[in-house]
């Protein structure tokens, strides 16, 4: 086209050569844009490949995280169950301790009552002896035995 335009008359030649330069410039612009788009498409394809592999990695990481989360949840549930079981055992132990303390209190009351009764029984004949001067048919051995019992009662009282 360029050769044909140069062989024409000068007035037509100038117009055609200007259009030809304009067309060549447009062609060069289109070629460079095509190259840019082609490289962008290849870059886009590479980018898409990377993103897809990244998504696969993300899916793998997500699956790993999900697995760890499920294991952690399971351990947490097991720990919660152990805590519940420990609390139940603690309540049972506490109830047993309260029952034992109540039994011990009742036994203590019984012992104190028995102690008072023994003391009263030992005290009455001895007091009678002091008032009357009679031994009520008891000899000194029996009186000494009563005194010994009285001292034992005092010792027992001191323990409580």
N, C-alpha and C. Protein backbone atom coordinates (compact mmCIF):
# COMPACT_ATOMS: atom_id res chain seq x y z
N UNK A 1 0.82 -1.18 0.00
CA UNK A 1 0.00 0.00 0.00
C UNK A 1 0.86 1.24 0.00
N UNK A 2 1.88 1.16 0.71
CA UNK A 2 2.78 2.32 0.80
C UNK A 2 3.38 2.61 -0.56
N UNK A 3 3.79 1.60 -1.29
CA UNK A 3 4.41 1.76 -2.61
C UNK A 3 3.40 2.32 -3.60
N UNK A 4 2.20 1.82 -3.56
CA UNK A 4 1.16 2.30 -4.48
C UNK A 4 0.85 3.76 -4.21
N UNK A 5 0.77 4.16 -2.96
CA UNK A 5 0.44 5.53 -2.62
C UNK A 5 1.55 6.46 -3.08
N UNK A 6 2.80 6.09 -3.08
CA UNK A 6 3.92 6.93 -3.47
C UNK A 6 3.95 7.12 -5.01
N UNK A 7 3.38 6.16 -5.69
CA UNK A 7 3.42 6.28 -7.15
C UNK A 7 2.28 7.16 -7.70
N UNK A 8 1.38 7.57 -6.91
CA UNK A 8 0.25 8.39 -7.34
C UNK A 8 0.65 9.86 -7.41
N UNK A 9 -0.29 10.66 -7.86
CA UNK A 9 -0.06 12.10 -8.00
C UNK A 9 0.16 12.72 -6.62
N UNK A 10 0.89 13.79 -6.54
CA UNK A 10 1.30 14.37 -5.28
C UNK A 10 0.11 14.83 -4.40
N UNK A 11 -0.94 15.37 -4.97
CA UNK A 11 -2.03 15.84 -4.11
C UNK A 11 -2.77 14.66 -3.46
N UNK A 12 -2.97 13.56 -4.16
CA UNK A 12 -3.63 12.36 -3.63
C UNK A 12 -2.64 11.60 -2.76
N UNK A 13 -1.37 11.65 -3.15
CA UNK A 13 -0.32 10.92 -2.46
C UNK A 13 -0.22 11.38 -1.00
N UNK A 14 -0.26 12.66 -0.73
CA UNK A 14 -0.11 13.18 0.63
C UNK A 14 -1.27 12.72 1.53
N UNK A 15 -2.47 12.73 1.00
CA UNK A 15 -3.64 12.33 1.78
C UNK A 15 -3.56 10.82 2.10
N UNK A 16 -3.21 10.03 1.07
CA UNK A 16 -3.14 8.58 1.27
C UNK A 16 -2.00 8.20 2.22
N UNK A 17 -0.87 8.88 2.11
CA UNK A 17 0.25 8.56 3.02
C UNK A 17 -0.11 8.95 4.47
N UNK A 18 -0.85 10.03 4.66
CA UNK A 18 -1.28 10.42 6.02
C UNK A 18 -2.22 9.36 6.59
N UNK A 19 -3.17 8.91 5.76
CA UNK A 19 -4.08 7.86 6.21
C UNK A 19 -3.32 6.57 6.50
N UNK A 20 -2.33 6.27 5.63
CA UNK A 20 -1.54 5.07 5.80
C UNK A 20 -0.76 5.11 7.13
N UNK A 21 -0.17 6.26 7.44
CA UNK A 21 0.54 6.40 8.72
C UNK A 21 -0.43 6.25 9.91
N UNK A 22 -1.59 6.80 9.73
CA UNK A 22 -2.61 6.69 10.78
C UNK A 22 -3.01 5.23 10.98
N UNK A 23 -3.21 4.51 9.86
CA UNK A 23 -3.56 3.10 9.94
C UNK A 23 -2.44 2.27 10.57
N UNK A 24 -1.19 2.59 10.18
CA UNK A 24 -0.04 1.87 10.76
C UNK A 24 0.05 2.13 12.26
N UNK A 25 -0.19 3.37 12.65
CA UNK A 25 -0.16 3.71 14.07
C UNK A 25 -1.27 2.96 14.82
N UNK A 26 -2.48 2.93 14.22
CA UNK A 26 -3.58 2.18 14.84
C UNK A 26 -3.23 0.69 14.94
N UNK A 27 -2.61 0.16 13.86
CA UNK A 27 -2.23 -1.24 13.84
C UNK A 27 -1.20 -1.53 14.94
N UNK A 28 -0.23 -0.67 15.08
CA UNK A 28 0.79 -0.86 16.12
C UNK A 28 0.15 -0.77 17.52
N UNK A 29 -0.75 0.16 17.67
CA UNK A 29 -1.45 0.27 18.97
C UNK A 29 -2.25 -1.00 19.26
N UNK A 30 -2.93 -1.50 18.25
CA UNK A 30 -3.72 -2.73 18.43
C UNK A 30 -2.82 -3.93 18.73
N UNK A 31 -1.67 -3.99 18.03
CA UNK A 31 -0.73 -5.08 18.30
C UNK A 31 -0.21 -5.03 19.74
N UNK A 32 0.16 -3.85 20.20
CA UNK A 32 0.68 -3.73 21.57
C UNK A 32 -0.42 -4.03 22.59
N UNK A 33 -1.64 -3.59 22.28
CA UNK A 33 -2.75 -3.91 23.19
C UNK A 33 -3.03 -5.41 23.20
N UNK A 34 -2.93 -6.03 22.01
CA UNK A 34 -3.12 -7.48 21.93
C UNK A 34 -2.06 -8.20 22.75
N UNK A 35 -0.81 -7.77 22.65
CA UNK A 35 0.26 -8.38 23.43
C UNK A 35 0.01 -8.19 24.93
N UNK A 36 -0.43 -7.00 25.27
CA UNK A 36 -0.70 -6.71 26.69
C UNK A 36 -1.84 -7.60 27.20
N UNK A 37 -2.88 -7.72 26.41
CA UNK A 37 -4.01 -8.56 26.81
C UNK A 37 -3.61 -10.03 26.85
N UNK A 38 -2.82 -10.44 25.87
CA UNK A 38 -2.38 -11.84 25.85
C UNK A 38 -1.53 -12.14 27.07
N UNK A 39 -0.63 -11.20 27.41
CA UNK A 39 0.19 -11.44 28.60
C UNK A 39 -0.65 -11.36 29.86
N UNK A 40 -1.65 -10.48 29.86
CA UNK A 40 -2.56 -10.39 31.00
C UNK A 40 -3.35 -11.67 31.14
N UNK A 41 -3.80 -12.21 30.01
CA UNK A 41 -4.53 -13.48 30.06
C UNK A 41 -3.65 -14.60 30.58
N UNK A 42 -2.40 -14.62 30.11
CA UNK A 42 -1.51 -15.66 30.61
C UNK A 42 -1.21 -15.42 32.09
N UNK A 43 -1.06 -14.13 32.46
CA UNK A 43 -0.87 -13.81 33.88
C UNK A 43 -2.13 -14.18 34.67
N UNK A 44 -3.28 -13.90 34.07
CA UNK A 44 -4.55 -14.25 34.73
C UNK A 44 -4.66 -15.76 34.91
N UNK A 45 -4.26 -16.50 33.87
CA UNK A 45 -4.31 -17.96 33.96
C UNK A 45 -3.36 -18.45 35.06
N UNK A 46 -2.16 -17.87 35.07
CA UNK A 46 -1.20 -18.24 36.11
C UNK A 46 -1.75 -17.86 37.49
N UNK A 47 -2.37 -16.69 37.55
CA UNK A 47 -2.97 -16.23 38.81
C UNK A 47 -4.09 -17.17 39.24
N UNK A 48 -4.93 -17.55 38.28
CA UNK A 48 -6.02 -18.47 38.59
C UNK A 48 -5.47 -19.82 39.07
N UNK A 49 -4.40 -20.28 38.41
CA UNK A 49 -3.78 -21.53 38.85
C UNK A 49 -3.27 -21.42 40.28
N UNK A 50 -2.63 -20.28 40.57
CA UNK A 50 -2.13 -20.07 41.92
C UNK A 50 -3.27 -20.00 42.93
N UNK A 51 -4.32 -19.29 42.55
CA UNK A 51 -5.45 -19.18 43.46
C UNK A 51 -6.12 -20.53 43.69
N UNK A 52 -6.22 -21.32 42.60
CA UNK A 52 -6.81 -22.64 42.76
C UNK A 52 -5.96 -23.51 43.67
N UNK A 53 -4.65 -23.46 43.48
CA UNK A 53 -3.78 -24.24 44.36
C UNK A 53 -3.84 -23.67 45.77
N UNK A 54 -3.95 -22.34 45.86
CA UNK A 54 -4.10 -21.71 47.17
C UNK A 54 -5.40 -22.13 47.83
N UNK A 55 -6.44 -22.22 47.03
CA UNK A 55 -7.72 -22.67 47.57
C UNK A 55 -7.62 -24.12 48.03
N UNK A 56 -6.89 -24.93 47.26
CA UNK A 56 -6.69 -26.32 47.66
C UNK A 56 -5.93 -26.36 48.98
N UNK A 57 -4.89 -25.51 49.07
CA UNK A 57 -4.14 -25.43 50.32
C UNK A 57 -5.05 -24.93 51.45
N UNK A 58 -5.86 -23.94 51.13
CA UNK A 58 -6.78 -23.40 52.14
C UNK A 58 -7.77 -24.47 52.57
N UNK A 59 -8.24 -25.25 51.60
CA UNK A 59 -9.17 -26.34 51.94
C UNK A 59 -8.47 -27.37 52.82
N UNK A 60 -7.22 -27.67 52.48
CA UNK A 60 -6.46 -28.62 53.27
C UNK A 60 -6.23 -28.08 54.67
N UNK A 61 -5.84 -26.80 54.75
CA UNK A 61 -5.63 -26.16 56.05
C UNK A 61 -6.94 -26.13 56.82
N UNK A 62 -8.02 -25.81 56.12
CA UNK A 62 -9.33 -25.77 56.77
C UNK A 62 -9.70 -27.15 57.31
N UNK A 63 -9.43 -28.19 56.53
CA UNK A 63 -9.72 -29.55 56.99
C UNK A 63 -8.86 -29.89 58.20
N UNK A 64 -7.59 -29.47 58.19
CA UNK A 64 -6.70 -29.69 59.33
C UNK A 64 -7.23 -28.97 60.56
N UNK A 65 -7.60 -27.72 60.36
CA UNK A 65 -8.13 -26.94 61.48
C UNK A 65 -9.42 -27.55 62.01
N UNK A 66 -10.26 -28.00 61.12
CA UNK A 66 -11.51 -28.63 61.53
C UNK A 66 -11.22 -29.88 62.35
N UNK A 67 -10.25 -30.68 61.90
CA UNK A 67 -9.89 -31.89 62.64
C UNK A 67 -9.37 -31.56 64.03
N UNK A 68 -8.48 -30.56 64.11
CA UNK A 68 -7.95 -30.16 65.41
C UNK A 68 -9.05 -29.60 66.29
N UNK A 69 -9.96 -28.83 65.69
CA UNK A 69 -11.07 -28.27 66.45
C UNK A 69 -11.97 -29.38 66.99
N UNK A 70 -12.21 -30.39 66.18
CA UNK A 70 -13.06 -31.50 66.64
C UNK A 70 -12.37 -32.27 67.77
N UNK A 71 -11.04 -32.48 67.64
CA UNK A 71 -10.30 -33.16 68.71
C UNK A 71 -10.34 -32.34 69.99
N UNK A 72 -10.15 -31.03 69.85
CA UNK A 72 -10.19 -30.15 71.03
C UNK A 72 -11.56 -30.16 71.67
N UNK A 73 -12.59 -30.15 70.85
CA UNK A 73 -13.96 -30.19 71.37
C UNK A 73 -14.20 -31.50 72.11
N UNK A 74 -13.72 -32.58 71.55
CA UNK A 74 -13.89 -33.90 72.19
C UNK A 74 -13.18 -33.93 73.54
N UNK A 75 -11.94 -33.40 73.57
CA UNK A 75 -11.20 -33.37 74.84
C UNK A 75 -11.92 -32.49 75.86
N UNK A 76 -12.46 -31.37 75.39
CA UNK A 76 -13.20 -30.47 76.28
C UNK A 76 -14.44 -31.17 76.84
N UNK A 77 -15.14 -31.89 75.99
CA UNK A 77 -16.32 -32.64 76.45
C UNK A 77 -15.93 -33.70 77.47
N UNK A 78 -14.83 -34.41 77.21
CA UNK A 78 -14.37 -35.42 78.15
C UNK A 78 -14.00 -34.79 79.49
N UNK A 79 -13.33 -33.63 79.43
CA UNK A 79 -12.96 -32.94 80.67
C UNK A 79 -14.22 -32.50 81.42
N UNK A 80 -15.20 -32.01 80.70
CA UNK A 80 -16.46 -31.61 81.34
C UNK A 80 -17.12 -32.80 82.01
N UNK A 81 -17.10 -33.95 81.34
CA UNK A 81 -17.69 -35.15 81.94
C UNK A 81 -16.94 -35.55 83.21
N UNK A 82 -15.60 -35.46 83.16
CA UNK A 82 -14.81 -35.80 84.35
C UNK A 82 -15.11 -34.84 85.49
N UNK A 83 -15.29 -33.55 85.17
CA UNK A 83 -15.61 -32.56 86.21
C UNK A 83 -16.97 -32.87 86.81
N UNK A 84 -17.95 -33.20 85.96
CA UNK A 84 -19.29 -33.55 86.47
C UNK A 84 -19.20 -34.77 87.38
N UNK A 85 -18.45 -35.77 86.96
CA UNK A 85 -18.30 -36.99 87.77
C UNK A 85 -17.61 -36.67 89.10
N UNK A 86 -16.60 -35.80 89.06
CA UNK A 86 -15.89 -35.41 90.28
C UNK A 86 -16.84 -34.67 91.22
N UNK A 87 -17.66 -33.79 90.67
CA UNK A 87 -18.62 -33.06 91.51
C UNK A 87 -19.63 -34.02 92.14
N UNK A 88 -20.08 -35.00 91.37
CA UNK A 88 -21.01 -35.98 91.92
C UNK A 88 -20.36 -36.76 93.06
N UNK A 89 -19.10 -37.18 92.85
CA UNK A 89 -18.37 -37.90 93.89
C UNK A 89 -18.18 -37.02 95.12
N UNK A 90 -17.88 -35.74 94.88
CA UNK A 90 -17.69 -34.80 95.99
C UNK A 90 -18.98 -34.67 96.81
N UNK A 91 -20.13 -34.55 96.13
CA UNK A 91 -21.40 -34.45 96.84
C UNK A 91 -21.67 -35.71 97.66
N UNK A 92 -21.42 -36.88 97.07
CA UNK A 92 -21.62 -38.13 97.79
C UNK A 92 -20.72 -38.21 99.02
N UNK A 93 -19.46 -37.81 98.85
CA UNK A 93 -18.50 -37.82 99.95
C UNK A 93 -18.94 -36.86 101.05
N UNK A 94 -19.40 -35.69 100.64
CA UNK A 94 -19.87 -34.70 101.61
C UNK A 94 -21.07 -35.23 102.39
N UNK A 95 -22.01 -35.85 101.69
CA UNK A 95 -23.18 -36.43 102.35
C UNK A 95 -22.77 -37.52 103.33
N UNK A 96 -21.81 -38.35 102.92
CA UNK A 96 -21.31 -39.40 103.80
C UNK A 96 -20.64 -38.80 105.03
N UNK A 97 -19.84 -37.75 104.83
CA UNK A 97 -19.18 -37.07 105.95
C UNK A 97 -20.19 -36.48 106.93
N UNK A 98 -21.25 -35.86 106.40
CA UNK A 98 -22.29 -35.30 107.27
C UNK A 98 -22.96 -36.40 108.07
N UNK A 99 -23.24 -37.53 107.41
CA UNK A 99 -23.86 -38.66 108.10
C UNK A 99 -22.95 -39.19 109.21
N UNK A 100 -21.66 -39.30 108.92
CA UNK A 100 -20.71 -39.79 109.92
C UNK A 100 -20.64 -38.82 111.10
N UNK A 101 -20.61 -37.51 110.80
CA UNK A 101 -20.56 -36.52 111.88
C UNK A 101 -21.82 -36.58 112.75
N UNK A 102 -22.97 -36.80 112.12
CA UNK A 102 -24.21 -36.93 112.90
C UNK A 102 -24.15 -38.16 113.80
N UNK A 103 -23.66 -39.27 113.24
CA UNK A 103 -23.52 -40.49 114.05
C UNK A 103 -22.57 -40.26 115.22
N UNK A 104 -21.45 -39.60 114.95
CA UNK A 104 -20.48 -39.32 116.01
C UNK A 104 -21.09 -38.41 117.08
N UNK A 105 -21.89 -37.44 116.65
CA UNK A 105 -22.55 -36.56 117.61
C UNK A 105 -23.50 -37.35 118.51
N UNK A 106 -24.27 -38.24 117.89
CA UNK A 106 -25.19 -39.07 118.68
C UNK A 106 -24.43 -39.97 119.66
N UNK A 107 -23.32 -40.54 119.18
CA UNK A 107 -22.51 -41.39 120.06
C UNK A 107 -21.92 -40.59 121.21
N UNK A 108 -21.48 -39.37 120.91
CA UNK A 108 -20.93 -38.50 121.96
C UNK A 108 -22.00 -38.20 123.00
N UNK A 109 -23.20 -37.90 122.53
CA UNK A 109 -24.30 -37.61 123.45
C UNK A 109 -24.58 -38.84 124.33
N UNK A 110 -24.57 -40.01 123.71
CA UNK A 110 -24.80 -41.25 124.47
C UNK A 110 -23.70 -41.45 125.52
N UNK A 111 -22.44 -41.22 125.13
CA UNK A 111 -21.33 -41.38 126.07
C UNK A 111 -21.43 -40.37 127.22
N UNK A 112 -21.78 -39.13 126.89
CA UNK A 112 -21.90 -38.13 127.95
C UNK A 112 -23.03 -38.51 128.91
N UNK A 113 -24.14 -38.98 128.36
CA UNK A 113 -25.25 -39.41 129.22
C UNK A 113 -24.82 -40.59 130.09
N UNK A 114 -24.14 -41.56 129.50
CA UNK A 114 -23.67 -42.71 130.27
C UNK A 114 -22.69 -42.26 131.35
N UNK A 115 -21.82 -41.32 131.02
CA UNK A 115 -20.86 -40.80 131.98
C UNK A 115 -21.58 -40.14 133.14
N UNK A 116 -22.59 -39.34 132.84
CA UNK A 116 -23.36 -38.69 133.90
C UNK A 116 -24.04 -39.72 134.79
N UNK A 117 -24.59 -40.75 134.18
CA UNK A 117 -25.27 -41.80 134.95
C UNK A 117 -24.28 -42.53 135.85
N UNK A 118 -23.10 -42.85 135.32
CA UNK A 118 -22.08 -43.53 136.13
C UNK A 118 -21.65 -42.63 137.28
N UNK A 119 -21.45 -41.39 137.00
CA UNK A 119 -21.04 -40.44 138.02
C UNK A 119 -22.10 -40.34 139.11
N UNK A 120 -23.37 -40.26 138.69
CA UNK A 120 -24.44 -40.19 139.67
C UNK A 120 -24.50 -41.46 140.51
N UNK A 121 -24.35 -42.61 139.87
CA UNK A 121 -24.40 -43.86 140.60
C UNK A 121 -23.24 -43.99 141.58
N UNK A 122 -22.08 -43.52 141.19
CA UNK A 122 -20.93 -43.59 142.09
C UNK A 122 -21.04 -42.55 143.19
N UNK A 123 -21.64 -41.46 142.90
CA UNK A 123 -21.70 -40.35 143.83
C UNK A 123 -22.72 -40.60 144.95
N UNK A 124 -23.84 -41.21 144.66
CA UNK A 124 -24.91 -41.39 145.64
C UNK A 124 -24.47 -42.25 146.83
N UNK A 125 -23.91 -43.45 146.60
CA UNK A 125 -23.52 -44.23 147.78
C UNK A 125 -22.41 -43.57 148.59
N UNK A 126 -21.48 -42.93 147.95
CA UNK A 126 -20.38 -42.29 148.66
C UNK A 126 -20.92 -41.14 149.51
N UNK A 127 -21.82 -40.37 148.94
CA UNK A 127 -22.41 -39.25 149.67
C UNK A 127 -23.18 -39.79 150.90
N UNK A 128 -23.90 -40.87 150.69
CA UNK A 128 -24.64 -41.47 151.79
C UNK A 128 -23.68 -41.90 152.90
N UNK A 129 -22.56 -42.43 152.55
CA UNK A 129 -21.55 -42.87 153.50
C UNK A 129 -21.03 -41.69 154.31
N UNK A 130 -20.82 -40.54 153.62
CA UNK A 130 -20.32 -39.37 154.34
C UNK A 130 -21.38 -38.84 155.31
N UNK A 131 -22.62 -38.91 154.91
CA UNK A 131 -23.67 -38.36 155.77
C UNK A 131 -23.96 -39.26 156.98
N UNK A 132 -24.03 -40.54 156.72
CA UNK A 132 -24.44 -41.46 157.78
C UNK A 132 -23.27 -42.06 158.52
N UNK A 133 -22.12 -42.09 157.91
CA UNK A 133 -20.98 -42.74 158.54
C UNK A 133 -21.04 -44.23 158.41
N UNK A 134 -22.03 -44.76 157.71
CA UNK A 134 -22.16 -46.19 157.51
C UNK A 134 -21.65 -46.53 156.12
N UNK A 135 -21.20 -47.76 156.03
CA UNK A 135 -20.67 -48.22 154.75
C UNK A 135 -21.71 -48.98 153.94
N UNK A 136 -22.92 -49.09 154.40
CA UNK A 136 -23.99 -49.82 153.74
C UNK A 136 -23.57 -51.24 153.40
N UNK A 137 -22.89 -51.82 154.27
CA UNK A 137 -22.49 -53.19 154.09
C UNK A 137 -21.30 -53.33 153.17
N UNK A 138 -20.69 -52.25 152.81
CA UNK A 138 -19.53 -52.32 151.93
C UNK A 138 -18.29 -52.25 152.78
N UNK A 139 -17.35 -52.98 152.38
CA UNK A 139 -16.09 -52.88 153.09
C UNK A 139 -15.20 -51.83 152.42
N UNK A 140 -14.07 -51.64 152.99
CA UNK A 140 -13.19 -50.59 152.48
C UNK A 140 -12.70 -50.87 151.07
N UNK A 141 -12.58 -52.12 150.74
CA UNK A 141 -12.13 -52.48 149.40
C UNK A 141 -13.13 -51.96 148.36
N UNK A 142 -14.40 -52.13 148.63
CA UNK A 142 -15.43 -51.66 147.72
C UNK A 142 -15.45 -50.13 147.65
N UNK A 143 -15.27 -49.49 148.77
CA UNK A 143 -15.24 -48.03 148.80
C UNK A 143 -14.05 -47.51 148.00
N UNK A 144 -12.90 -48.13 148.19
CA UNK A 144 -11.71 -47.74 147.42
C UNK A 144 -11.94 -47.94 145.92
N UNK A 145 -12.63 -49.04 145.59
CA UNK A 145 -12.96 -49.32 144.19
C UNK A 145 -13.86 -48.21 143.62
N UNK A 146 -14.83 -47.76 144.44
CA UNK A 146 -15.71 -46.67 144.01
C UNK A 146 -14.94 -45.38 143.83
N UNK A 147 -14.00 -45.13 144.74
CA UNK A 147 -13.17 -43.93 144.61
C UNK A 147 -12.34 -43.98 143.32
N UNK A 148 -11.80 -45.17 143.08
CA UNK A 148 -11.00 -45.33 141.85
C UNK A 148 -11.87 -45.08 140.61
N UNK A 149 -13.09 -45.60 140.62
CA UNK A 149 -14.01 -45.39 139.51
C UNK A 149 -14.34 -43.90 139.36
N UNK A 150 -14.51 -43.25 140.49
CA UNK A 150 -14.81 -41.82 140.47
C UNK A 150 -13.66 -41.05 139.83
N UNK A 151 -12.44 -41.40 140.17
CA UNK A 151 -11.28 -40.74 139.58
C UNK A 151 -11.19 -41.02 138.08
N UNK A 152 -11.53 -42.23 137.69
CA UNK A 152 -11.55 -42.57 136.26
C UNK A 152 -12.59 -41.72 135.53
N UNK A 153 -13.72 -41.53 136.15
CA UNK A 153 -14.79 -40.70 135.55
C UNK A 153 -14.29 -39.28 135.38
N UNK A 154 -13.59 -38.77 136.38
CA UNK A 154 -13.02 -37.42 136.29
C UNK A 154 -12.05 -37.32 135.12
N UNK A 155 -11.21 -38.35 134.99
CA UNK A 155 -10.25 -38.37 133.88
C UNK A 155 -10.96 -38.40 132.53
N UNK A 156 -12.04 -39.19 132.46
CA UNK A 156 -12.81 -39.27 131.22
C UNK A 156 -13.44 -37.92 130.91
N UNK A 157 -13.98 -37.26 131.94
CA UNK A 157 -14.59 -35.94 131.75
C UNK A 157 -13.55 -34.94 131.27
N UNK A 158 -12.35 -35.05 131.77
CA UNK A 158 -11.30 -34.12 131.36
C UNK A 158 -10.95 -34.31 129.88
N UNK A 159 -11.13 -35.53 129.37
CA UNK A 159 -10.86 -35.77 127.96
C UNK A 159 -11.87 -35.07 127.07
N UNK A 160 -13.09 -34.93 127.56
CA UNK A 160 -14.13 -34.29 126.75
C UNK A 160 -14.11 -32.82 127.04
